[in-house]
Structure formats: structure tokens, C-alpha cells
Amino acid sequence: MLASDLETTGLSSAEAAARLRETGPNEIASERRLSRARVLWNQLRSPLQLLLFLAIAAAAASGEWLNAAIVLAIVL
């Protein structure tokens, strides 16, 4: 368990120091910021995005430029 007692003032200094050495400080890990390029890559590698790009290519190849433009606008 936690080895603390409600009737005392909490952990002894020795126990607190031991836990600090064992588990480290009680801090929230800093979150790594993503670059804009990484965010864009994460969005474009989705299978749904790939399907939409294939739809754009198929519409453009068949001469349906309006449909290709509409799907491209949705992707963007």
C-alpha cells in the first residue's frame, strides 16, 4: 500500500526521499510540440485521405474537373 497513516503527518522524510529516488519527482511530462509538417503528414497518411486522393485522380482522369475540384476542396 502507500505506507502512510492518517493519524500522523504523512510520510517520514526518509521514506519521501526513498520514493523520490525510486520514482522521480511528481511532475507532468512536458508534451512535445509537433511541427506543422508533422501535423500535415499525420493527417495525409490516413487511409480515408488516400481514398479521397484516388477519387480526385479518378475524377480528373475521366475529365470530371468540377468533381475533382470539389473533392480537393473538401480534402483541403
Protein backbone atom coordinates (compact mmCIF):
# COMPACT_ATOMS: atom_id res chain seq x y z
CA MET A 1 0.00 0.00 0.00
CA LEU A 2 1.14 3.60 0.43
CA ALA A 3 2.61 3.10 3.94
CA SER A 4 1.20 6.38 5.22
CA ASP A 5 -1.00 6.93 8.23
CA LEU A 6 -3.93 9.33 8.68
CA GLU A 7 -3.04 9.92 12.33
CA THR A 8 0.49 11.13 11.57
CA THR A 9 1.74 13.92 9.36
CA GLY A 10 2.31 11.63 6.40
CA LEU A 11 5.50 10.02 5.14
CA SER A 12 8.73 10.32 7.02
CA SER A 13 11.50 12.33 5.37
CA ALA A 14 13.48 9.16 4.76
CA GLU A 15 10.51 7.42 3.10
CA ALA A 16 9.77 10.50 0.97
CA ALA A 17 13.42 10.68 -0.15
CA ALA A 18 13.43 6.96 -0.98
CA ARG A 19 10.27 7.29 -3.07
CA LEU A 20 11.68 10.34 -4.84
CA ARG A 21 14.80 8.34 -5.79
CA GLU A 22 12.70 5.37 -6.88
CA THR A 23 10.03 7.08 -8.97
CA GLY A 24 11.33 10.59 -9.58
CA PRO A 25 9.56 13.90 -8.98
CA ASN A 26 5.79 14.17 -9.18
CA GLU A 27 5.67 16.18 -12.41
CA ILE A 28 3.59 16.09 -15.54
CA ALA A 29 5.76 15.21 -18.51
CA SER A 30 6.09 18.08 -20.94
CA GLU A 31 4.32 17.46 -24.21
CA ARG A 32 6.46 17.60 -27.33
CA ARG A 33 5.11 20.10 -29.82
CA LEU A 34 4.52 18.84 -33.31
CA SER A 35 5.77 20.79 -36.30
CA ARG A 36 3.29 21.89 -38.95
CA ALA A 37 4.83 19.44 -41.41
CA ARG A 38 4.36 16.57 -38.94
CA VAL A 39 0.71 17.52 -38.35
CA LEU A 40 0.13 17.65 -42.12
CA TRP A 41 1.81 14.27 -42.59
CA ASN A 42 -0.29 12.73 -39.79
CA GLN A 43 -3.44 13.96 -41.49
CA LEU A 44 -2.47 12.87 -45.00
CA ARG A 45 -1.40 9.34 -44.10
CA SER A 46 -4.94 8.36 -43.18
CA PRO A 47 -6.46 5.63 -45.40
CA LEU A 48 -9.52 7.83 -45.89
CA GLN A 49 -7.33 10.65 -47.21
CA LEU A 50 -5.65 8.23 -49.60
CA LEU A 51 -9.07 7.16 -50.85
CA LEU A 52 -10.05 10.79 -51.41
CA PHE A 53 -6.84 11.47 -53.35
CA LEU A 54 -7.60 8.45 -55.52
CA ALA A 55 -11.09 9.86 -56.11
CA ILE A 56 -9.55 13.17 -57.15
CA ALA A 57 -7.20 11.40 -59.57
CA ALA A 58 -10.02 9.26 -61.00
CA ALA A 59 -12.29 12.28 -61.48
CA ALA A 60 -9.52 14.27 -63.13
CA ALA A 61 -8.55 11.34 -65.38
CA SER A 62 -12.14 10.96 -66.58
CA GLY A 63 -12.45 14.68 -67.30
CA GLU A 64 -14.75 15.46 -64.37
CA TRP A 65 -12.82 18.56 -63.34
CA LEU A 66 -15.63 20.02 -61.25
CA ASN A 67 -15.93 16.84 -59.19
CA ALA A 68 -12.16 16.68 -58.78
CA ALA A 69 -12.10 20.30 -57.62
CA ILE A 70 -14.95 19.72 -55.15
CA VAL A 71 -13.26 16.69 -53.58
CA LEU A 72 -9.92 18.56 -53.49
CA ALA A 73 -11.63 21.46 -51.70
CA ILE A 74 -13.06 19.03 -49.16
CA VAL A 75 -9.63 17.48 -48.57
CA LEU A 76 -8.01 20.85 -48.15
